[in-house]
N, C-alpha and C. Protein backbone atom coordinates (compact mmCIF):
# COMPACT_ATOMS: atom_id res chain seq x y z
N MET A 1 -25.34 -30.88 2.21
CA MET A 1 -24.79 -32.22 2.19
C MET A 1 -23.67 -32.30 3.22
N ALA A 2 -23.73 -33.27 4.08
CA ALA A 2 -22.75 -33.44 5.14
C ALA A 2 -21.45 -34.00 4.58
N LEU A 3 -20.36 -33.53 5.14
CA LEU A 3 -19.05 -34.01 4.74
C LEU A 3 -18.62 -35.13 5.67
N ASN A 4 -17.96 -36.16 5.10
CA ASN A 4 -17.44 -37.20 5.96
C ASN A 4 -16.07 -36.77 6.51
N LEU A 5 -15.54 -37.53 7.43
CA LEU A 5 -14.31 -37.16 8.11
C LEU A 5 -13.13 -36.99 7.16
N ASN A 6 -13.01 -37.85 6.16
CA ASN A 6 -11.90 -37.74 5.21
C ASN A 6 -11.99 -36.46 4.38
N GLU A 7 -13.19 -36.10 3.97
CA GLU A 7 -13.37 -34.85 3.21
C GLU A 7 -13.02 -33.64 4.06
N LYS A 8 -13.38 -33.68 5.33
CA LYS A 8 -13.04 -32.59 6.24
C LYS A 8 -11.53 -32.49 6.41
N LYS A 9 -10.87 -33.62 6.55
CA LYS A 9 -9.41 -33.63 6.70
C LYS A 9 -8.72 -33.05 5.46
N ILE A 10 -9.24 -33.37 4.29
CA ILE A 10 -8.68 -32.85 3.04
C ILE A 10 -8.82 -31.33 2.99
N ILE A 11 -10.00 -30.82 3.36
CA ILE A 11 -10.23 -29.37 3.37
C ILE A 11 -9.29 -28.68 4.34
N VAL A 12 -9.17 -29.23 5.55
CA VAL A 12 -8.29 -28.63 6.57
C VAL A 12 -6.85 -28.65 6.09
N SER A 13 -6.42 -29.75 5.51
CA SER A 13 -5.05 -29.87 5.02
C SER A 13 -4.76 -28.86 3.90
N LYS A 14 -5.70 -28.74 2.98
CA LYS A 14 -5.53 -27.80 1.86
C LYS A 14 -5.43 -26.36 2.35
N ILE A 15 -6.34 -25.96 3.23
CA ILE A 15 -6.33 -24.60 3.76
C ILE A 15 -5.07 -24.36 4.59
N ASN A 16 -4.64 -25.37 5.35
CA ASN A 16 -3.43 -25.23 6.17
C ASN A 16 -2.20 -25.01 5.31
N LYS A 17 -2.09 -25.73 4.21
CA LYS A 17 -0.95 -25.57 3.29
C LYS A 17 -0.92 -24.15 2.72
N ILE A 18 -2.08 -23.66 2.32
CA ILE A 18 -2.17 -22.30 1.78
C ILE A 18 -1.81 -21.29 2.88
N SER A 19 -2.30 -21.52 4.10
CA SER A 19 -2.04 -20.61 5.22
C SER A 19 -0.55 -20.50 5.54
N ASN A 20 0.17 -21.56 5.32
CA ASN A 20 1.60 -21.56 5.63
C ASN A 20 2.44 -20.80 4.61
N ILE A 21 1.92 -20.56 3.41
CA ILE A 21 2.72 -19.85 2.40
C ILE A 21 2.13 -18.50 1.98
N ALA A 22 0.92 -18.20 2.42
CA ALA A 22 0.27 -16.95 2.02
C ALA A 22 0.89 -15.74 2.73
N LEU A 23 0.79 -14.59 2.09
CA LEU A 23 1.33 -13.35 2.65
C LEU A 23 0.34 -12.66 3.58
N SER A 24 -0.94 -12.71 3.24
CA SER A 24 -1.98 -12.12 4.08
C SER A 24 -3.29 -12.85 3.82
N ALA A 25 -4.25 -12.61 4.71
CA ALA A 25 -5.58 -13.22 4.55
C ALA A 25 -6.64 -12.22 4.94
N VAL A 26 -7.76 -12.27 4.23
CA VAL A 26 -8.90 -11.40 4.50
C VAL A 26 -10.14 -12.28 4.59
N THR A 27 -10.97 -12.03 5.58
CA THR A 27 -12.21 -12.79 5.72
C THR A 27 -13.40 -11.88 5.47
N ALA A 28 -14.48 -12.49 5.02
CA ALA A 28 -15.69 -11.72 4.72
C ALA A 28 -16.92 -12.57 4.95
N ASP A 29 -18.03 -11.88 5.14
CA ASP A 29 -19.34 -12.52 5.21
C ASP A 29 -19.99 -12.32 3.84
N SER A 30 -20.25 -13.42 3.15
CA SER A 30 -20.79 -13.34 1.79
C SER A 30 -22.27 -13.73 1.73
N GLN A 31 -22.93 -13.79 2.90
CA GLN A 31 -24.35 -14.13 2.92
C GLN A 31 -25.13 -13.11 2.10
N GLY A 32 -26.00 -13.57 1.23
CA GLY A 32 -26.84 -12.68 0.44
C GLY A 32 -26.25 -12.27 -0.90
N VAL A 33 -25.04 -12.72 -1.20
CA VAL A 33 -24.41 -12.40 -2.48
C VAL A 33 -24.65 -13.59 -3.41
N SER A 34 -25.04 -13.32 -4.64
CA SER A 34 -25.38 -14.40 -5.57
C SER A 34 -24.15 -15.23 -5.93
N VAL A 35 -24.39 -16.46 -6.28
CA VAL A 35 -23.33 -17.39 -6.66
C VAL A 35 -22.59 -16.88 -7.89
N ASN A 36 -23.31 -16.30 -8.84
CA ASN A 36 -22.65 -15.77 -10.04
C ASN A 36 -21.64 -14.68 -9.70
N LYS A 37 -22.01 -13.80 -8.77
CA LYS A 37 -21.09 -12.72 -8.37
C LYS A 37 -19.89 -13.29 -7.63
N ILE A 38 -20.11 -14.28 -6.78
CA ILE A 38 -19.00 -14.93 -6.07
C ILE A 38 -18.06 -15.60 -7.07
N ASN A 39 -18.63 -16.24 -8.09
CA ASN A 39 -17.80 -16.88 -9.12
C ASN A 39 -16.99 -15.86 -9.89
N GLN A 40 -17.57 -14.69 -10.18
CA GLN A 40 -16.83 -13.61 -10.84
C GLN A 40 -15.69 -13.13 -9.95
N LEU A 41 -15.96 -13.01 -8.65
CA LEU A 41 -14.94 -12.60 -7.70
C LEU A 41 -13.79 -13.62 -7.66
N ARG A 42 -14.14 -14.89 -7.64
CA ARG A 42 -13.10 -15.94 -7.63
C ARG A 42 -12.25 -15.87 -8.90
N LYS A 43 -12.90 -15.63 -10.03
CA LYS A 43 -12.18 -15.53 -11.31
C LYS A 43 -11.21 -14.35 -11.27
N SER A 44 -11.67 -13.22 -10.76
CA SER A 44 -10.80 -12.04 -10.63
C SER A 44 -9.64 -12.34 -9.70
N GLY A 45 -9.91 -13.06 -8.64
CA GLY A 45 -8.87 -13.42 -7.68
C GLY A 45 -7.81 -14.33 -8.26
N ARG A 46 -8.23 -15.30 -9.05
CA ARG A 46 -7.26 -16.21 -9.67
C ARG A 46 -6.29 -15.46 -10.57
N GLN A 47 -6.78 -14.41 -11.24
CA GLN A 47 -5.94 -13.65 -12.16
C GLN A 47 -4.85 -12.86 -11.44
N ILE A 48 -5.06 -12.53 -10.16
CA ILE A 48 -4.07 -11.74 -9.44
C ILE A 48 -3.39 -12.50 -8.30
N GLY A 49 -3.55 -13.81 -8.27
CA GLY A 49 -2.85 -14.62 -7.27
C GLY A 49 -3.51 -14.64 -5.90
N VAL A 50 -4.84 -14.64 -5.87
CA VAL A 50 -5.58 -14.72 -4.61
C VAL A 50 -6.33 -16.03 -4.59
N LYS A 51 -6.10 -16.82 -3.54
CA LYS A 51 -6.81 -18.10 -3.39
C LYS A 51 -7.95 -17.90 -2.41
N MET A 52 -9.16 -18.31 -2.81
CA MET A 52 -10.35 -18.08 -2.00
C MET A 52 -11.08 -19.38 -1.70
N SER A 53 -11.69 -19.42 -0.51
CA SER A 53 -12.50 -20.56 -0.11
C SER A 53 -13.62 -20.10 0.81
N ILE A 54 -14.73 -20.80 0.73
CA ILE A 54 -15.80 -20.62 1.71
C ILE A 54 -15.75 -21.86 2.58
N VAL A 55 -15.49 -21.63 3.88
CA VAL A 55 -15.20 -22.74 4.78
C VAL A 55 -16.01 -22.58 6.07
N ARG A 56 -16.43 -23.70 6.62
CA ARG A 56 -17.10 -23.68 7.91
C ARG A 56 -16.11 -23.21 8.97
N ASN A 57 -16.65 -22.54 9.98
CA ASN A 57 -15.77 -21.95 10.99
C ASN A 57 -14.93 -22.99 11.74
N THR A 58 -15.50 -24.14 12.03
CA THR A 58 -14.74 -25.16 12.77
C THR A 58 -13.58 -25.69 11.93
N LEU A 59 -13.82 -25.89 10.64
CA LEU A 59 -12.74 -26.38 9.77
C LEU A 59 -11.67 -25.32 9.57
N LEU A 60 -12.10 -24.07 9.42
CA LEU A 60 -11.14 -22.99 9.24
C LEU A 60 -10.31 -22.80 10.50
N SER A 61 -10.94 -22.90 11.66
CA SER A 61 -10.21 -22.78 12.92
C SER A 61 -9.12 -23.84 13.03
N LEU A 62 -9.45 -25.05 12.63
CA LEU A 62 -8.45 -26.13 12.64
C LEU A 62 -7.35 -25.88 11.61
N ALA A 63 -7.73 -25.38 10.45
CA ALA A 63 -6.77 -25.18 9.36
C ALA A 63 -5.77 -24.08 9.65
N ILE A 64 -6.17 -23.03 10.36
CA ILE A 64 -5.25 -21.92 10.61
C ILE A 64 -4.51 -22.05 11.94
N LYS A 65 -4.75 -23.14 12.63
CA LYS A 65 -4.06 -23.37 13.90
C LYS A 65 -2.55 -23.47 13.65
N ASN A 66 -1.77 -22.80 14.48
CA ASN A 66 -0.30 -22.78 14.40
C ASN A 66 0.21 -22.15 13.10
N THR A 67 -0.54 -21.22 12.54
CA THR A 67 -0.08 -20.45 11.38
C THR A 67 -0.10 -18.98 11.77
N SER A 68 0.39 -18.14 10.90
CA SER A 68 0.38 -16.70 11.19
C SER A 68 -1.02 -16.10 11.12
N PHE A 69 -1.99 -16.89 10.71
CA PHE A 69 -3.37 -16.40 10.60
C PHE A 69 -4.26 -16.90 11.74
N GLU A 70 -3.65 -17.48 12.76
CA GLU A 70 -4.42 -17.99 13.89
C GLU A 70 -5.17 -16.88 14.61
N CYS A 71 -4.68 -15.65 14.50
CA CYS A 71 -5.34 -14.50 15.13
C CYS A 71 -6.73 -14.24 14.53
N LEU A 72 -7.00 -14.78 13.35
CA LEU A 72 -8.31 -14.59 12.71
C LEU A 72 -9.43 -15.37 13.39
N LYS A 73 -9.10 -16.29 14.29
CA LYS A 73 -10.12 -17.09 14.97
C LYS A 73 -11.17 -16.22 15.65
N LYS A 74 -10.74 -15.04 16.12
CA LYS A 74 -11.66 -14.13 16.80
C LYS A 74 -12.74 -13.59 15.85
N LYS A 75 -12.44 -13.57 14.57
CA LYS A 75 -13.35 -12.97 13.57
C LYS A 75 -14.19 -14.00 12.82
N ILE A 76 -13.97 -15.27 13.09
CA ILE A 76 -14.66 -16.32 12.35
C ILE A 76 -16.03 -16.59 12.97
N LYS A 77 -17.06 -16.46 12.13
CA LYS A 77 -18.43 -16.76 12.55
C LYS A 77 -19.12 -17.48 11.41
N GLY A 78 -19.83 -18.54 11.72
CA GLY A 78 -20.60 -19.25 10.69
C GLY A 78 -19.73 -19.74 9.56
N SER A 79 -20.19 -19.55 8.36
CA SER A 79 -19.44 -19.92 7.18
C SER A 79 -18.64 -18.69 6.73
N THR A 80 -17.34 -18.85 6.58
CA THR A 80 -16.46 -17.72 6.31
C THR A 80 -15.89 -17.80 4.91
N PHE A 81 -15.88 -16.66 4.23
CA PHE A 81 -15.24 -16.53 2.93
C PHE A 81 -13.86 -15.96 3.19
N ILE A 82 -12.83 -16.70 2.87
CA ILE A 82 -11.46 -16.27 3.15
C ILE A 82 -10.67 -16.17 1.85
N ALA A 83 -9.87 -15.12 1.76
CA ALA A 83 -9.01 -14.91 0.59
C ALA A 83 -7.57 -14.80 1.07
N TYR A 84 -6.71 -15.60 0.48
CA TYR A 84 -5.28 -15.58 0.78
C TYR A 84 -4.54 -14.90 -0.36
N SER A 85 -3.73 -13.91 -0.02
CA SER A 85 -2.91 -13.22 -1.02
C SER A 85 -1.59 -13.98 -1.14
N MET A 86 -1.31 -14.45 -2.34
CA MET A 86 -0.13 -15.28 -2.55
C MET A 86 1.04 -14.52 -3.16
N THR A 87 0.80 -13.47 -3.92
CA THR A 87 1.88 -12.77 -4.60
C THR A 87 2.12 -11.37 -4.07
N HIS A 88 1.07 -10.70 -3.60
CA HIS A 88 1.17 -9.35 -3.07
C HIS A 88 0.30 -9.26 -1.83
N PRO A 89 0.81 -8.76 -0.71
CA PRO A 89 0.04 -8.77 0.54
C PRO A 89 -1.31 -8.05 0.46
N GLY A 90 -1.43 -7.03 -0.36
CA GLY A 90 -2.66 -6.26 -0.41
C GLY A 90 -3.67 -6.69 -1.44
N SER A 91 -3.34 -7.68 -2.25
CA SER A 91 -4.24 -8.03 -3.36
C SER A 91 -5.59 -8.57 -2.90
N GLY A 92 -5.63 -9.41 -1.88
CA GLY A 92 -6.90 -9.93 -1.38
C GLY A 92 -7.75 -8.84 -0.76
N ALA A 93 -7.12 -7.98 0.04
CA ALA A 93 -7.85 -6.87 0.67
C ALA A 93 -8.39 -5.91 -0.38
N ARG A 94 -7.58 -5.62 -1.39
CA ARG A 94 -8.01 -4.71 -2.46
C ARG A 94 -9.18 -5.32 -3.23
N LEU A 95 -9.10 -6.60 -3.53
CA LEU A 95 -10.16 -7.29 -4.27
C LEU A 95 -11.47 -7.28 -3.46
N PHE A 96 -11.40 -7.62 -2.18
CA PHE A 96 -12.60 -7.64 -1.33
C PHE A 96 -13.15 -6.23 -1.14
N LYS A 97 -12.28 -5.24 -0.99
CA LYS A 97 -12.73 -3.86 -0.80
C LYS A 97 -13.51 -3.37 -2.02
N GLU A 98 -12.96 -3.62 -3.21
CA GLU A 98 -13.64 -3.21 -4.45
C GLU A 98 -14.96 -3.95 -4.61
N PHE A 99 -14.97 -5.24 -4.31
CA PHE A 99 -16.18 -6.05 -4.44
C PHE A 99 -17.26 -5.58 -3.46
N SER A 100 -16.87 -5.19 -2.25
CA SER A 100 -17.85 -4.76 -1.25
C SER A 100 -18.48 -3.42 -1.62
N LYS A 101 -17.79 -2.62 -2.43
CA LYS A 101 -18.38 -1.35 -2.89
C LYS A 101 -19.58 -1.59 -3.79
N GLU A 102 -19.50 -2.63 -4.61
CA GLU A 102 -20.57 -2.96 -5.56
C GLU A 102 -21.65 -3.85 -4.96
N ASN A 103 -21.31 -4.59 -3.90
CA ASN A 103 -22.23 -5.56 -3.31
C ASN A 103 -22.40 -5.24 -1.82
N THR A 104 -23.53 -4.66 -1.48
CA THR A 104 -23.75 -4.18 -0.12
C THR A 104 -23.85 -5.31 0.90
N HIS A 105 -24.22 -6.50 0.49
CA HIS A 105 -24.33 -7.63 1.43
C HIS A 105 -22.97 -8.22 1.77
N PHE A 106 -21.97 -7.91 1.01
CA PHE A 106 -20.62 -8.45 1.21
C PHE A 106 -19.88 -7.58 2.22
N LYS A 107 -19.53 -8.13 3.36
CA LYS A 107 -18.89 -7.37 4.44
C LYS A 107 -17.54 -8.00 4.81
N ILE A 108 -16.50 -7.18 4.78
CA ILE A 108 -15.19 -7.64 5.24
C ILE A 108 -15.25 -7.72 6.76
N THR A 109 -14.88 -8.89 7.30
CA THR A 109 -14.98 -9.09 8.75
C THR A 109 -13.63 -9.04 9.45
N GLY A 110 -12.54 -9.28 8.73
CA GLY A 110 -11.23 -9.25 9.37
C GLY A 110 -10.13 -9.50 8.36
N ALA A 111 -8.90 -9.26 8.83
CA ALA A 111 -7.73 -9.51 8.00
C ALA A 111 -6.53 -9.73 8.91
N ALA A 112 -5.56 -10.46 8.40
CA ALA A 112 -4.33 -10.70 9.14
C ALA A 112 -3.15 -10.53 8.20
N PHE A 113 -2.10 -9.94 8.75
CA PHE A 113 -0.86 -9.74 7.99
C PHE A 113 0.29 -9.86 8.99
N GLU A 114 1.25 -10.70 8.66
CA GLU A 114 2.43 -10.95 9.49
C GLU A 114 2.04 -11.32 10.93
N GLY A 115 1.03 -12.15 11.07
CA GLY A 115 0.63 -12.65 12.38
C GLY A 115 -0.17 -11.70 13.23
N LYS A 116 -0.60 -10.59 12.65
CA LYS A 116 -1.33 -9.57 13.41
C LYS A 116 -2.72 -9.38 12.83
N LEU A 117 -3.71 -9.31 13.73
CA LEU A 117 -5.08 -9.02 13.32
C LEU A 117 -5.16 -7.53 13.01
N LEU A 118 -5.70 -7.18 11.85
CA LEU A 118 -5.72 -5.80 11.40
C LEU A 118 -7.05 -5.12 11.73
N SER A 119 -6.95 -3.82 12.02
CA SER A 119 -8.15 -3.01 12.23
C SER A 119 -8.71 -2.62 10.86
N ILE A 120 -9.87 -2.00 10.85
CA ILE A 120 -10.49 -1.55 9.59
C ILE A 120 -9.57 -0.57 8.85
N VAL A 121 -8.96 0.35 9.59
CA VAL A 121 -8.05 1.33 8.98
C VAL A 121 -6.84 0.62 8.37
N GLU A 122 -6.31 -0.37 9.09
CA GLU A 122 -5.15 -1.11 8.58
C GLU A 122 -5.52 -1.97 7.37
N ILE A 123 -6.75 -2.47 7.34
CA ILE A 123 -7.20 -3.23 6.17
C ILE A 123 -7.23 -2.32 4.95
N ASP A 124 -7.72 -1.09 5.13
CA ASP A 124 -7.72 -0.11 4.03
C ASP A 124 -6.30 0.21 3.58
N GLN A 125 -5.39 0.35 4.53
CA GLN A 125 -3.99 0.62 4.19
C GLN A 125 -3.39 -0.56 3.41
N LEU A 126 -3.71 -1.77 3.84
CA LEU A 126 -3.22 -2.95 3.14
C LEU A 126 -3.78 -3.01 1.72
N ALA A 127 -5.06 -2.67 1.58
CA ALA A 127 -5.71 -2.68 0.26
C ALA A 127 -5.11 -1.61 -0.65
N ASN A 128 -4.69 -0.50 -0.08
CA ASN A 128 -4.13 0.60 -0.88
C ASN A 128 -2.63 0.49 -1.11
N MET A 129 -2.01 -0.53 -0.54
CA MET A 129 -0.57 -0.73 -0.72
C MET A 129 -0.27 -0.99 -2.20
N PRO A 130 0.67 -0.25 -2.76
CA PRO A 130 0.95 -0.46 -4.19
C PRO A 130 1.62 -1.81 -4.43
N THR A 131 1.34 -2.37 -5.59
CA THR A 131 2.02 -3.60 -5.98
C THR A 131 3.46 -3.26 -6.36
N TYR A 132 4.26 -4.26 -6.59
CA TYR A 132 5.66 -4.04 -6.98
C TYR A 132 5.73 -3.20 -8.24
N GLU A 133 4.92 -3.54 -9.23
CA GLU A 133 4.92 -2.81 -10.50
C GLU A 133 4.48 -1.35 -10.30
N GLU A 134 3.44 -1.14 -9.49
CA GLU A 134 2.97 0.22 -9.22
C GLU A 134 4.03 1.04 -8.49
N ALA A 135 4.75 0.41 -7.55
CA ALA A 135 5.81 1.11 -6.83
C ALA A 135 6.95 1.51 -7.76
N ILE A 136 7.32 0.61 -8.68
CA ILE A 136 8.37 0.91 -9.65
C ILE A 136 7.95 2.07 -10.55
N ILE A 137 6.70 2.04 -11.01
CA ILE A 137 6.19 3.11 -11.87
C ILE A 137 6.23 4.45 -11.13
N LYS A 138 5.81 4.46 -9.86
CA LYS A 138 5.84 5.70 -9.08
C LYS A 138 7.28 6.19 -8.90
N LEU A 139 8.21 5.28 -8.64
CA LEU A 139 9.61 5.66 -8.47
C LEU A 139 10.15 6.26 -9.76
N LEU A 140 9.87 5.62 -10.88
CA LEU A 140 10.34 6.14 -12.17
C LEU A 140 9.73 7.50 -12.46
N PHE A 141 8.47 7.69 -12.12
CA PHE A 141 7.80 8.98 -12.33
C PHE A 141 8.48 10.06 -11.49
N ILE A 142 8.77 9.74 -10.24
CA ILE A 142 9.44 10.71 -9.35
C ILE A 142 10.83 11.05 -9.89
N LEU A 143 11.56 10.03 -10.33
CA LEU A 143 12.90 10.28 -10.89
C LEU A 143 12.81 11.14 -12.15
N LYS A 144 11.82 10.85 -12.98
CA LYS A 144 11.63 11.62 -14.21
C LYS A 144 11.30 13.07 -13.89
N MET A 145 10.39 13.27 -12.93
CA MET A 145 9.99 14.62 -12.56
C MET A 145 11.15 15.39 -11.92
N SER A 146 11.94 14.72 -11.09
CA SER A 146 13.05 15.42 -10.46
C SER A 146 14.12 15.76 -11.50
N ALA A 147 14.33 14.87 -12.46
CA ALA A 147 15.29 15.16 -13.54
C ALA A 147 14.78 16.31 -14.40
N ALA A 148 13.49 16.32 -14.69
CA ALA A 148 12.90 17.41 -15.48
C ALA A 148 12.99 18.73 -14.71
N GLY A 149 12.74 18.67 -13.41
CA GLY A 149 12.85 19.87 -12.58
C GLY A 149 14.27 20.41 -12.56
N LYS A 150 15.23 19.52 -12.46
CA LYS A 150 16.64 19.92 -12.46
C LYS A 150 17.00 20.55 -13.81
N LEU A 151 16.51 19.97 -14.89
CA LEU A 151 16.77 20.50 -16.23
C LEU A 151 16.17 21.90 -16.37
N ILE A 152 14.93 22.08 -15.93
CA ILE A 152 14.27 23.39 -16.02
C ILE A 152 15.02 24.41 -15.18
N TYR A 153 15.44 24.02 -13.99
CA TYR A 153 16.20 24.92 -13.12
C TYR A 153 17.51 25.33 -13.79
N THR A 154 18.20 24.36 -14.39
CA THR A 154 19.48 24.64 -15.06
C THR A 154 19.26 25.56 -16.25
N LEU A 155 18.25 25.30 -17.05
CA LEU A 155 17.97 26.14 -18.22
C LEU A 155 17.60 27.56 -17.80
N SER A 156 16.80 27.68 -16.75
CA SER A 156 16.43 29.04 -16.30
C SER A 156 17.64 29.77 -15.74
N ALA A 157 18.55 29.05 -15.08
CA ALA A 157 19.77 29.67 -14.57
C ALA A 157 20.65 30.15 -15.71
N ILE A 158 20.74 29.35 -16.77
CA ILE A 158 21.55 29.72 -17.95
C ILE A 158 20.93 30.95 -18.62
N LYS A 159 19.58 30.97 -18.73
CA LYS A 159 18.88 32.09 -19.36
C LYS A 159 19.11 33.38 -18.55
N LYS A 160 19.03 33.30 -17.23
CA LYS A 160 19.25 34.48 -16.39
C LYS A 160 20.69 34.97 -16.51
N LYS A 161 21.61 34.04 -16.63
CA LYS A 161 23.03 34.38 -16.77
C LYS A 161 23.26 35.15 -18.07
N LYS A 162 22.61 34.70 -19.14
CA LYS A 162 22.76 35.37 -20.44
C LYS A 162 22.14 36.75 -20.41
N GLU A 163 20.99 36.88 -19.72
CA GLU A 163 20.31 38.16 -19.65
C GLU A 163 21.11 39.19 -18.87
N THR A 164 21.79 38.75 -17.85
CA THR A 164 22.58 39.69 -17.02
C THR A 164 23.94 40.02 -17.65
N ALA A 165 24.40 39.18 -18.56
CA ALA A 165 25.71 39.41 -19.16
C ALA A 165 25.69 40.38 -20.31
């Protein structure tokens, strides 16, 4: 079904607003993936603050113009599935990476972060970036382990002191 000019303007405006506040964006080719699986992916994305759209390349090119995601124009072909990470920069990349493992037809085509087009290796790094909560948990674990190590060291030093005395 063809879109009229007003509908196209609404789509471009909506995507542009999201592009101006998003932390990162990931694009993918979703040809050959069932609608049910795409709907499940969208549901998972909503739960973690990822906004997704399937947009024609011409509309997406207009929508990302003069945003930090303008570098993605090189990766846009045909109809593009784009995910914007709104709360954590790596959430969209992580979601797409996990989804592509289960769905062979789903291919990540590009990503942008802080105005830079990312390579495949950088997309993996972005996907593996810990969330704020994960980083806090790791920090607390390290502090706990270092405190436990210090305690064990102190106890062993006290034990050796008693043995030599």
